[in-house]
Amino acid sequence: MKRYFIGGLSKKFNINPKTIRFYESIGILPEPAREENGYRIYGDKTFERINFIVKAKSQGFRLNEIKEIINLYDEGKKPCTCTKKLIKNKINEIELKISGLKELNTKLKKCLKEKVVDSGSSICPMIEKNNRD
């Protein structure tokens, strides 16, 4: 088994050591063993878990979702059914965001095309006129 210090892990995964300690505090990483001087010592399992967390975050998973998957795994259950549900929910969220961004894009393009006369009674009539829909 390989041994890692917090600084080595943080450099390997390009995350702050405080992030690793935070992951410990919320229970997605186990408490590490400690040397006599109090330094945290991590093993291969923690290395693999941080690798999983980093990959899951890069795919848009939130920490509570990652914790849910890890907890199932720690209970000896296969988390794939749960993960599939989370992925479907994430896809729905993304599609809603895309739809909202398309609507906003259309609204802003319309705003640019319209001629707006400044009556002097508003801060910016372009924004105020086209925000009434």
C-alpha atoms as a PDB file:
ATOM      1  CA  MET A   1       0.000   0.000   0.000  1.00  0.00           C
ATOM      2  CA  LYS A   2       1.252   3.409  -0.955  1.00  0.00           C
ATOM      3  CA  ARG A   3       1.210   6.271   1.562  1.00  0.00           C
ATOM      4  CA  TYR A   4       0.271   9.831   0.692  1.00  0.00           C
ATOM      5  CA  PHE A   5       0.438  13.093   2.561  1.00  0.00           C
ATOM      6  CA  ILE A   6      -2.249  15.734   2.070  1.00  0.00           C
ATOM      7  CA  GLY A   7       0.114  17.965   0.069  1.00  0.00           C
ATOM      8  CA  GLY A   8       0.930  15.182  -2.376  1.00  0.00           C
ATOM      9  CA  LEU A   9      -2.724  14.329  -2.895  1.00  0.00           C
ATOM     10  CA  SER A  10      -3.692  17.942  -3.367  1.00  0.00           C
ATOM     11  CA  LYS A  11      -0.977  18.420  -5.998  1.00  0.00           C
ATOM     12  CA  LYS A  12      -1.841  15.162  -7.773  1.00  0.00           C
ATOM     13  CA  PHE A  13      -5.498  16.123  -8.104  1.00  0.00           C
ATOM     14  CA  ASN A  14      -4.964  19.881  -8.325  1.00  0.00           C
ATOM     15  CA  ILE A  15      -7.183  20.603  -5.340  1.00  0.00           C
ATOM     16  CA  ASN A  16      -6.577  22.586  -2.188  1.00  0.00           C
ATOM     17  CA  PRO A  17      -5.588  20.645   0.957  1.00  0.00           C
ATOM     18  CA  LYS A  18      -8.519  22.405   2.691  1.00  0.00           C
ATOM     19  CA  THR A  19     -10.794  20.707   0.172  1.00  0.00           C
ATOM     20  CA  ILE A  20      -9.528  17.298   1.235  1.00  0.00           C
ATOM     21  CA  ARG A  21     -10.117  18.178   4.895  1.00  0.00           C
ATOM     22  CA  PHE A  22     -13.607  19.437   3.971  1.00  0.00           C
ATOM     23  CA  TYR A  23     -14.363  16.130   2.227  1.00  0.00           C
ATOM     24  CA  GLU A  24     -13.350  14.374   5.448  1.00  0.00           C
ATOM     25  CA  SER A  25     -15.601  16.645   7.519  1.00  0.00           C
ATOM     26  CA  ILE A  26     -18.689  15.878   5.390  1.00  0.00           C
ATOM     27  CA  GLY A  27     -17.973  12.161   5.327  1.00  0.00           C
ATOM     28  CA  ILE A  28     -17.124  11.492   1.688  1.00  0.00           C
ATOM     29  CA  LEU A  29     -13.552  10.710   2.714  1.00  0.00           C
ATOM     30  CA  PRO A  30     -12.761   8.622   5.776  1.00  0.00           C
ATOM     31  CA  GLU A  31     -10.739  10.084   8.611  1.00  0.00           C
ATOM     32  CA  PRO A  32      -7.097   9.388   7.793  1.00  0.00           C
ATOM     33  CA  ALA A  33      -4.560   7.658   9.965  1.00  0.00           C
ATOM     34  CA  ARG A  34      -2.088   9.985  11.627  1.00  0.00           C
ATOM     35  CA  GLU A  35       1.629   9.816  12.187  1.00  0.00           C
ATOM     36  CA  GLU A  36       3.069  10.561  15.618  1.00  0.00           C
ATOM     37  CA  ASN A  37       3.595  14.176  14.567  1.00  0.00           C
ATOM     38  CA  GLY A  38      -0.104  14.501  13.683  1.00  0.00           C
ATOM     39  CA  TYR A  39       0.353  14.504   9.892  1.00  0.00           C
ATOM     40  CA  ARG A  40      -2.447  12.871   7.987  1.00  0.00           C
ATOM     41  CA  ILE A  41      -1.497   9.691   6.127  1.00  0.00           C
ATOM     42  CA  TYR A  42      -3.675   8.498   3.274  1.00  0.00           C
ATOM     43  CA  GLY A  43      -3.710   5.167   1.487  1.00  0.00           C
ATOM     44  CA  ASP A  44      -4.672   3.854  -1.931  1.00  0.00           C
ATOM     45  CA  LYS A  45      -8.394   3.739  -1.060  1.00  0.00           C
ATOM     46  CA  THR A  46      -8.437   7.461  -0.303  1.00  0.00           C
ATOM     47  CA  PHE A  47      -6.468   8.126  -3.492  1.00  0.00           C
ATOM     48  CA  GLU A  48      -9.083   6.180  -5.495  1.00  0.00           C
ATOM     49  CA  ARG A  49     -11.952   7.926  -3.705  1.00  0.00           C
ATOM     50  CA  ILE A  50     -10.549  11.414  -4.415  1.00  0.00           C
ATOM     51  CA  ASN A  51     -10.062  10.365  -8.036  1.00  0.00           C
ATOM     52  CA  PHE A  52     -13.745   9.345  -8.156  1.00  0.00           C
ATOM     53  CA  ILE A  53     -14.871  12.601  -6.523  1.00  0.00           C
ATOM     54  CA  VAL A  54     -12.851  14.731  -8.959  1.00  0.00           C
ATOM     55  CA  LYS A  55     -14.241  12.823 -11.964  1.00  0.00           C
ATOM     56  CA  ALA A  56     -17.815  13.020 -10.653  1.00  0.00           C
ATOM     57  CA  LYS A  57     -17.504  16.761 -10.023  1.00  0.00           C
ATOM     58  CA  SER A  58     -16.140  17.262 -13.550  1.00  0.00           C
ATOM     59  CA  GLN A  59     -19.342  15.621 -14.821  1.00  0.00           C
ATOM     60  CA  GLY A  60     -21.515  18.060 -12.900  1.00  0.00           C
ATOM     61  CA  PHE A  61     -22.347  15.988  -9.832  1.00  0.00           C
ATOM     62  CA  ARG A  62     -22.858  17.910  -6.607  1.00  0.00           C
ATOM     63  CA  LEU A  63     -21.183  16.810  -3.399  1.00  0.00           C
ATOM     64  CA  ASN A  64     -24.464  15.577  -1.886  1.00  0.00           C
ATOM     65  CA  GLU A  65     -25.009  13.394  -4.966  1.00  0.00           C
ATOM     66  CA  ILE A  66     -21.445  12.092  -4.789  1.00  0.00           C
ATOM     67  CA  LYS A  67     -21.934  11.334  -1.104  1.00  0.00           C
ATOM     68  CA  GLU A  68     -25.117   9.404  -1.895  1.00  0.00           C
ATOM     69  CA  ILE A  69     -23.251   7.249  -4.429  1.00  0.00           C
ATOM     70  CA  ILE A  70     -20.303   6.702  -2.073  1.00  0.00           C
ATOM     71  CA  ASN A  71     -22.582   5.803   0.847  1.00  0.00           C
ATOM     72  CA  LEU A  72     -24.277   3.116  -1.235  1.00  0.00           C
ATOM     73  CA  TYR A  73     -20.887   1.769  -2.262  1.00  0.00           C
ATOM     74  CA  ASP A  74     -19.691   1.782   1.368  1.00  0.00           C
ATOM     75  CA  GLU A  75     -22.814  -0.195   2.346  1.00  0.00           C
ATOM     76  CA  GLY A  76     -21.781  -2.861  -0.154  1.00  0.00           C
ATOM     77  CA  LYS A  77     -24.505  -1.964  -2.633  1.00  0.00           C
ATOM     78  CA  LYS A  78     -24.047  -1.329  -6.337  1.00  0.00           C
ATOM     79  CA  PRO A  79     -24.722   2.404  -6.806  1.00  0.00           C
ATOM     80  CA  CYS A  80     -25.305   2.196 -10.562  1.00  0.00           C
ATOM     81  CA  THR A  81     -29.122   2.368 -10.348  1.00  0.00           C
ATOM     82  CA  CYS A  82     -28.881   5.454  -8.165  1.00  0.00           C
ATOM     83  CA  THR A  83     -26.225   6.946 -10.434  1.00  0.00           C
ATOM     84  CA  LYS A  84     -28.398   6.352 -13.488  1.00  0.00           C
ATOM     85  CA  LYS A  85     -31.274   8.225 -11.809  1.00  0.00           C
ATOM     86  CA  LEU A  86     -28.946  11.092 -10.899  1.00  0.00           C
ATOM     87  CA  ILE A  87     -27.635  11.239 -14.474  1.00  0.00           C
ATOM     88  CA  LYS A  88     -31.178  11.400 -15.855  1.00  0.00           C
ATOM     89  CA  ASN A  89     -31.990  14.235 -13.445  1.00  0.00           C
ATOM     90  CA  LYS A  90     -28.797  16.035 -14.444  1.00  0.00           C
ATOM     91  CA  ILE A  91     -29.675  15.713 -18.144  1.00  0.00           C
ATOM     92  CA  ASN A  92     -33.136  17.212 -17.411  1.00  0.00           C
ATOM     93  CA  GLU A  93     -31.504  20.102 -15.529  1.00  0.00           C
ATOM     94  CA  ILE A  94     -29.142  20.744 -18.431  1.00  0.00           C
ATOM     95  CA  GLU A  95     -31.962  20.664 -20.973  1.00  0.00           C
ATOM     96  CA  LEU A  96     -33.953  23.177 -18.890  1.00  0.00           C
ATOM     97  CA  LYS A  97     -30.925  25.456 -18.664  1.00  0.00           C
ATOM     98  CA  ILE A  98     -30.355  25.197 -22.417  1.00  0.00           C
ATOM     99  CA  SER A  99     -34.009  26.054 -23.045  1.00  0.00           C
ATOM    100  CA  GLY A 100     -33.802  29.040 -20.716  1.00  0.00           C
ATOM    101  CA  LEU A 101     -30.591  30.244 -22.349  1.00  0.00           C
ATOM    102  CA  LYS A 102     -32.151  29.956 -25.812  1.00  0.00           C
ATOM    103  CA  GLU A 103     -35.105  32.067 -24.661  1.00  0.00           C
ATOM    104  CA  LEU A 104     -32.755  34.643 -23.181  1.00  0.00           C
ATOM    105  CA  ASN A 105     -30.693  34.679 -26.389  1.00  0.00           C
ATOM    106  CA  THR A 106     -33.819  35.335 -28.472  1.00  0.00           C
ATOM    107  CA  LYS A 107     -34.940  38.091 -26.094  1.00  0.00           C
ATOM    108  CA  LEU A 108     -31.546  39.822 -26.194  1.00  0.00           C
ATOM    109  CA  LYS A 109     -31.353  39.649 -29.988  1.00  0.00           C
ATOM    110  CA  LYS A 110     -34.828  41.201 -30.161  1.00  0.00           C
ATOM    111  CA  CYS A 111     -33.655  43.915 -27.791  1.00  0.00           C
ATOM    112  CA  LEU A 112     -30.755  44.796 -30.122  1.00  0.00           C
ATOM    113  CA  LYS A 113     -32.986  44.995 -33.189  1.00  0.00           C
ATOM    114  CA  GLU A 114     -35.618  47.323 -31.748  1.00  0.00           C
ATOM    115  CA  LYS A 115     -35.268  51.066 -31.892  1.00  0.00           C
ATOM    116  CA  VAL A 116     -35.736  52.601 -28.517  1.00  0.00           C
ATOM    117  CA  VAL A 117     -36.215  56.278 -27.905  1.00  0.00           C
ATOM    118  CA  ASP A 118     -34.769  57.550 -24.651  1.00  0.00           C
ATOM    119  CA  SER A 119     -37.501  59.533 -22.961  1.00  0.00           C
ATOM    120  CA  GLY A 120     -35.179  60.497 -20.139  1.00  0.00           C
ATOM    121  CA  SER A 121     -37.460  58.973 -17.534  1.00  0.00           C
ATOM    122  CA  SER A 122     -35.697  55.632 -17.227  1.00  0.00           C
ATOM    123  CA  ILE A 123     -32.181  54.366 -16.648  1.00  0.00           C
ATOM    124  CA  CYS A 124     -32.014  52.364 -19.877  1.00  0.00           C
ATOM    125  CA  PRO A 125     -35.153  51.978 -21.973  1.00  0.00           C
ATOM    126  CA  MET A 126     -33.649  49.077 -23.949  1.00  0.00           C
ATOM    127  CA  ILE A 127     -33.631  46.930 -20.860  1.00  0.00           C
ATOM    128  CA  GLU A 128     -36.805  48.233 -19.289  1.00  0.00           C
ATOM    129  CA  LYS A 129     -38.915  48.058 -22.470  1.00  0.00           C
ATOM    130  CA  ASN A 130     -37.860  44.525 -23.350  1.00  0.00           C
ATOM    131  CA  ASN A 131     -38.137  43.174 -19.852  1.00  0.00           C
ATOM    132  CA  ARG A 132     -41.927  43.567 -19.657  1.00  0.00           C
ATOM    133  CA  ASP A 133     -42.765  40.340 -21.523  1.00  0.00           C
END
